[in-house]
Amino acid sequence: MPATLHKITPMLWFDGRAEEAARQYVSIFADASIGAIGRQPDGTPLVVEFTLAGHRFTALNGGPDYTFTPAISFVVDCTTQEEVDHYWDLLGEGGDSATRQCGWLTDRFGVSWQIVPQQLGEYMSDPDREKAGRTMQAMLQMQKLDIEALRRAHDGE
């Protein structure tokens, strides 16, 4: 775990899959690690601390009472199509393909992610509303975001 103490740490509630999820996430992000694992008396994990890209998370095996919804999602900012492809493919593996649209996906644990190229924000905030509108319309037709297709829509090609 990083030496920096964060004031806020997301706690993710899992039904017996906290360590599996933490290890999956750590395998996907370059700057990631597993921290302390608090175990129950029988040795099964109860709490798993992990870090992704400098952000601390805690995964809890809390049982079946709660599940994830898209009301909370994690945004992964990307600078290249290769990054978009990497995160989209690995986080989406085994997830719910019906929930994939506009750069959003639900992973195999039910956690929602947004895989977003930085160019989308630039194009969508263009003062030329026609360019921004074309970008929005293109994005609405996509599942995984395609930087080049967004650029072409923005530029009116």
C-alpha atoms as a PDB file:
ATOM      1  CA  MET A   1       0.000   0.000   0.000  1.00  0.00           C
ATOM      2  CA  PRO A   2       1.225   3.531  -0.644  1.00  0.00           C
ATOM      3  CA  ALA A   3       2.504   5.506   2.320  1.00  0.00           C
ATOM      4  CA  THR A   4      -0.015   8.298   1.612  1.00  0.00           C
ATOM      5  CA  LEU A   5      -3.154   8.116   3.722  1.00  0.00           C
ATOM      6  CA  HIS A   6      -6.282   8.893   1.727  1.00  0.00           C
ATOM      7  CA  LYS A   7      -9.294  10.422   3.410  1.00  0.00           C
ATOM      8  CA  ILE A   8     -11.727   8.421   1.291  1.00  0.00           C
ATOM      9  CA  THR A   9     -11.356   4.801   0.215  1.00  0.00           C
ATOM     10  CA  PRO A  10     -14.079   3.058  -1.808  1.00  0.00           C
ATOM     11  CA  MET A  11     -15.334  -0.123  -0.123  1.00  0.00           C
ATOM     12  CA  LEU A  12     -16.634  -2.681  -2.610  1.00  0.00           C
ATOM     13  CA  TRP A  13     -19.055  -5.321  -1.308  1.00  0.00           C
ATOM     14  CA  PHE A  14     -18.684  -8.817  -2.773  1.00  0.00           C
ATOM     15  CA  ASP A  15     -20.346 -12.129  -2.078  1.00  0.00           C
ATOM     16  CA  GLY A  16     -17.299 -14.318  -1.419  1.00  0.00           C
ATOM     17  CA  ARG A  17     -15.241 -13.027  -4.372  1.00  0.00           C
ATOM     18  CA  ALA A  18     -13.377 -10.052  -2.851  1.00  0.00           C
ATOM     19  CA  GLU A  19      -9.885 -11.516  -3.199  1.00  0.00           C
ATOM     20  CA  GLU A  20     -10.613 -12.860  -6.697  1.00  0.00           C
ATOM     21  CA  ALA A  21     -11.842  -9.424  -7.805  1.00  0.00           C
ATOM     22  CA  ALA A  22      -8.909  -7.572  -6.245  1.00  0.00           C
ATOM     23  CA  ARG A  23      -6.416  -9.927  -7.919  1.00  0.00           C
ATOM     24  CA  GLN A  24      -8.200  -9.531 -11.270  1.00  0.00           C
ATOM     25  CA  TYR A  25      -8.110  -5.734 -11.058  1.00  0.00           C
ATOM     26  CA  VAL A  26      -4.460  -5.689  -9.973  1.00  0.00           C
ATOM     27  CA  SER A  27      -3.565  -7.878 -12.973  1.00  0.00           C
ATOM     28  CA  ILE A  28      -5.121  -5.331 -15.368  1.00  0.00           C
ATOM     29  CA  PHE A  29      -3.624  -2.047 -14.137  1.00  0.00           C
ATOM     30  CA  ALA A  30       0.131  -1.410 -14.405  1.00  0.00           C
ATOM     31  CA  ASP A  31       0.442   0.565 -11.152  1.00  0.00           C
ATOM     32  CA  ALA A  32      -1.414  -1.831  -8.869  1.00  0.00           C
ATOM     33  CA  SER A  33      -0.854  -4.028  -5.835  1.00  0.00           C
ATOM     34  CA  ILE A  34      -2.584  -6.139  -3.211  1.00  0.00           C
ATOM     35  CA  GLY A  35      -2.167  -4.875   0.348  1.00  0.00           C
ATOM     36  CA  ALA A  36      -3.335  -6.410   3.590  1.00  0.00           C
ATOM     37  CA  ILE A  37      -5.805  -9.278   3.573  1.00  0.00           C
ATOM     38  CA  GLY A  38      -7.868  -9.637   6.744  1.00  0.00           C
ATOM     39  CA  ARG A  39      -9.020 -13.188   7.213  1.00  0.00           C
ATOM     40  CA  GLN A  40     -11.880 -14.762   9.102  1.00  0.00           C
ATOM     41  CA  PRO A  41     -11.115 -17.416  11.755  1.00  0.00           C
ATOM     42  CA  ASP A  42     -11.532 -20.164   9.133  1.00  0.00           C
ATOM     43  CA  GLY A  43      -8.901 -18.495   6.926  1.00  0.00           C
ATOM     44  CA  THR A  44     -11.212 -17.171   4.220  1.00  0.00           C
ATOM     45  CA  PRO A  45     -10.656 -13.529   3.224  1.00  0.00           C
ATOM     46  CA  LEU A  46     -12.962 -10.965   4.783  1.00  0.00           C
ATOM     47  CA  VAL A  47     -11.292  -7.698   3.719  1.00  0.00           C
ATOM     48  CA  VAL A  48      -8.783  -7.192   0.904  1.00  0.00           C
ATOM     49  CA  GLU A  49      -6.944  -3.896   0.470  1.00  0.00           C
ATOM     50  CA  PHE A  50      -5.623  -3.080  -2.985  1.00  0.00           C
ATOM     51  CA  THR A  51      -4.325  -0.126  -4.972  1.00  0.00           C
ATOM     52  CA  LEU A  52      -5.037   0.740  -8.615  1.00  0.00           C
ATOM     53  CA  ALA A  53      -3.179   3.639 -10.239  1.00  0.00           C
ATOM     54  CA  GLY A  54      -2.443   5.207  -6.851  1.00  0.00           C
ATOM     55  CA  HIS A  55      -6.033   4.865  -5.546  1.00  0.00           C
ATOM     56  CA  ARG A  56      -6.770   2.694  -2.542  1.00  0.00           C
ATOM     57  CA  PHE A  57      -9.732   0.347  -2.510  1.00  0.00           C
ATOM     58  CA  THR A  58     -11.062  -2.157  -0.022  1.00  0.00           C
ATOM     59  CA  ALA A  59     -12.964  -5.265  -1.066  1.00  0.00           C
ATOM     60  CA  LEU A  60     -15.250  -6.856   1.518  1.00  0.00           C
ATOM     61  CA  ASN A  61     -16.785 -10.308   1.441  1.00  0.00           C
ATOM     62  CA  GLY A  62     -20.053  -9.057   2.902  1.00  0.00           C
ATOM     63  CA  GLY A  63     -22.390 -11.734   1.612  1.00  0.00           C
ATOM     64  CA  PRO A  64     -25.338 -11.740  -0.793  1.00  0.00           C
ATOM     65  CA  ASP A  65     -27.319  -8.865   0.728  1.00  0.00           C
ATOM     66  CA  TYR A  66     -26.084  -6.152  -1.662  1.00  0.00           C
ATOM     67  CA  THR A  67     -25.083  -6.070  -5.316  1.00  0.00           C
ATOM     68  CA  PHE A  68     -23.522  -3.467  -7.558  1.00  0.00           C
ATOM     69  CA  THR A  69     -25.512  -1.183  -9.859  1.00  0.00           C
ATOM     70  CA  PRO A  70     -24.382   1.217 -12.606  1.00  0.00           C
ATOM     71  CA  ALA A  71     -25.328   4.084 -10.275  1.00  0.00           C
ATOM     72  CA  ILE A  72     -21.660   3.967  -9.228  1.00  0.00           C
ATOM     73  CA  SER A  73     -18.942   3.377 -11.797  1.00  0.00           C
ATOM     74  CA  PHE A  74     -15.199   3.809 -12.111  1.00  0.00           C
ATOM     75  CA  VAL A  75     -13.909   5.923 -14.992  1.00  0.00           C
ATOM     76  CA  VAL A  76     -10.660   4.817 -16.605  1.00  0.00           C
ATOM     77  CA  ASP A  77      -9.111   7.745 -18.480  1.00  0.00           C
ATOM     78  CA  CYS A  78      -7.242   6.624 -21.586  1.00  0.00           C
ATOM     79  CA  THR A  79      -4.950   8.492 -23.964  1.00  0.00           C
ATOM     80  CA  THR A  80      -4.714   5.949 -26.812  1.00  0.00           C
ATOM     81  CA  GLN A  81      -6.932   3.427 -28.561  1.00  0.00           C
ATOM     82  CA  GLU A  82      -4.562   0.726 -27.337  1.00  0.00           C
ATOM     83  CA  GLU A  83      -5.372   1.719 -23.748  1.00  0.00           C
ATOM     84  CA  VAL A  84      -9.100   1.760 -24.488  1.00  0.00           C
ATOM     85  CA  ASP A  85      -8.831  -1.718 -26.046  1.00  0.00           C
ATOM     86  CA  HIS A  86      -6.735  -3.063 -23.144  1.00  0.00           C
ATOM     87  CA  TYR A  87      -9.103  -1.980 -20.381  1.00  0.00           C
ATOM     88  CA  TRP A  88     -12.253  -2.713 -22.370  1.00  0.00           C
ATOM     89  CA  ASP A  89     -11.164  -6.237 -23.221  1.00  0.00           C
ATOM     90  CA  LEU A  90      -9.779  -7.211 -19.812  1.00  0.00           C
ATOM     91  CA  LEU A  91     -12.374  -5.568 -17.579  1.00  0.00           C
ATOM     92  CA  GLY A  92     -15.197  -6.711 -19.841  1.00  0.00           C
ATOM     93  CA  GLU A  93     -14.054 -10.337 -20.006  1.00  0.00           C
ATOM     94  CA  GLY A  94     -16.811 -12.506 -18.588  1.00  0.00           C
ATOM     95  CA  GLY A  95     -18.984  -9.467 -17.835  1.00  0.00           C
ATOM     96  CA  ASP A  96     -22.484  -8.560 -18.902  1.00  0.00           C
ATOM     97  CA  SER A  97     -22.351  -7.740 -22.614  1.00  0.00           C
ATOM     98  CA  ALA A  98     -25.921  -6.384 -22.519  1.00  0.00           C
ATOM     99  CA  THR A  99     -24.771  -3.460 -20.373  1.00  0.00           C
ATOM    100  CA  ARG A 100     -22.051  -2.305 -22.769  1.00  0.00           C
ATOM    101  CA  GLN A 101     -22.740   1.040 -24.383  1.00  0.00           C
ATOM    102  CA  CYS A 102     -21.102   4.445 -24.772  1.00  0.00           C
ATOM    103  CA  GLY A 103     -17.878   3.238 -23.162  1.00  0.00           C
ATOM    104  CA  TRP A 104     -19.631   1.675 -20.139  1.00  0.00           C
ATOM    105  CA  LEU A 105     -19.292  -1.983 -19.228  1.00  0.00           C
ATOM    106  CA  THR A 106     -20.100  -4.263 -16.331  1.00  0.00           C
ATOM    107  CA  ASP A 107     -17.347  -6.678 -15.338  1.00  0.00           C
ATOM    108  CA  ARG A 108     -17.783 -10.286 -14.246  1.00  0.00           C
ATOM    109  CA  PHE A 109     -18.188  -9.180 -10.619  1.00  0.00           C
ATOM    110  CA  GLY A 110     -20.986  -6.721 -11.451  1.00  0.00           C
ATOM    111  CA  VAL A 111     -18.843  -3.577 -11.090  1.00  0.00           C
ATOM    112  CA  SER A 112     -19.474  -0.840 -13.684  1.00  0.00           C
ATOM    113  CA  TRP A 113     -16.591   0.844 -15.494  1.00  0.00           C
ATOM    114  CA  GLN A 114     -16.381   3.641 -18.042  1.00  0.00           C
ATOM    115  CA  ILE A 115     -13.464   3.293 -20.445  1.00  0.00           C
ATOM    116  CA  VAL A 116     -13.075   6.812 -21.809  1.00  0.00           C
ATOM    117  CA  PRO A 117     -10.507   8.316 -24.160  1.00  0.00           C
ATOM    118  CA  GLN A 118      -9.485  11.838 -23.167  1.00  0.00           C
ATOM    119  CA  GLN A 119     -10.350  12.974 -26.686  1.00  0.00           C
ATOM    120  CA  LEU A 120     -14.045  12.418 -25.973  1.00  0.00           C
ATOM    121  CA  GLY A 121     -14.068  15.207 -23.404  1.00  0.00           C
ATOM    122  CA  GLU A 122     -12.222  17.513 -25.771  1.00  0.00           C
ATOM    123  CA  TYR A 123     -14.629  16.828 -28.637  1.00  0.00           C
ATOM    124  CA  MET A 124     -17.759  17.023 -26.479  1.00  0.00           C
ATOM    125  CA  SER A 125     -16.727  20.380 -25.005  1.00  0.00           C
ATOM    126  CA  ASP A 126     -15.964  21.956 -28.378  1.00  0.00           C
ATOM    127  CA  PRO A 127     -17.564  25.420 -28.484  1.00  0.00           C
ATOM    128  CA  ASP A 128     -18.816  24.516 -31.973  1.00  0.00           C
ATOM    129  CA  ARG A 129     -22.074  22.807 -30.943  1.00  0.00           C
ATOM    130  CA  GLU A 130     -22.406  21.047 -34.306  1.00  0.00           C
ATOM    131  CA  LYS A 131     -19.042  19.313 -33.823  1.00  0.00           C
ATOM    132  CA  ALA A 132     -19.913  18.423 -30.239  1.00  0.00           C
ATOM    133  CA  GLY A 133     -23.320  17.143 -31.364  1.00  0.00           C
ATOM    134  CA  ARG A 134     -21.833  14.941 -34.074  1.00  0.00           C
ATOM    135  CA  THR A 135     -19.441  13.518 -31.492  1.00  0.00           C
ATOM    136  CA  MET A 136     -22.334  12.780 -29.125  1.00  0.00           C
ATOM    137  CA  GLN A 137     -24.336  11.051 -31.862  1.00  0.00           C
ATOM    138  CA  ALA A 138     -21.334   8.904 -32.820  1.00  0.00           C
ATOM    139  CA  MET A 139     -20.685   7.961 -29.185  1.00  0.00           C
ATOM    140  CA  LEU A 140     -24.315   6.927 -28.678  1.00  0.00           C
ATOM    141  CA  GLN A 141     -23.907   4.340 -31.460  1.00  0.00           C
ATOM    142  CA  MET A 142     -20.821   2.730 -29.894  1.00  0.00           C
ATOM    143  CA  GLN A 143     -20.181   0.157 -27.258  1.00  0.00           C
ATOM    144  CA  LYS A 144     -16.391   0.389 -26.952  1.00  0.00           C
ATOM    145  CA  LEU A 145     -15.344   3.932 -27.826  1.00  0.00           C
ATOM    146  CA  ASP A 146     -13.338   4.328 -31.031  1.00  0.00           C
ATOM    147  CA  ILE A 147     -11.103   7.396 -30.959  1.00  0.00           C
ATOM    148  CA  GLU A 148     -10.686   7.627 -34.724  1.00  0.00           C
ATOM    149  CA  ALA A 149     -14.437   7.284 -35.371  1.00  0.00           C
ATOM    150  CA  LEU A 150     -15.115   9.970 -32.757  1.00  0.00           C
ATOM    151  CA  ARG A 151     -12.565  12.246 -34.430  1.00  0.00           C
ATOM    152  CA  ARG A 152     -14.137  11.708 -37.858  1.00  0.00           C
ATOM    153  CA  ALA A 153     -17.596  12.491 -36.461  1.00  0.00           C
ATOM    154  CA  HIS A 154     -16.282  15.590 -34.696  1.00  0.00           C
ATOM    155  CA  ASP A 155     -14.554  16.806 -37.856  1.00  0.00           C
ATOM    156  CA  GLY A 156     -17.574  16.039 -40.049  1.00  0.00           C
ATOM    157  CA  GLU A 157     -15.803  13.460 -42.200  1.00  0.00           C
END
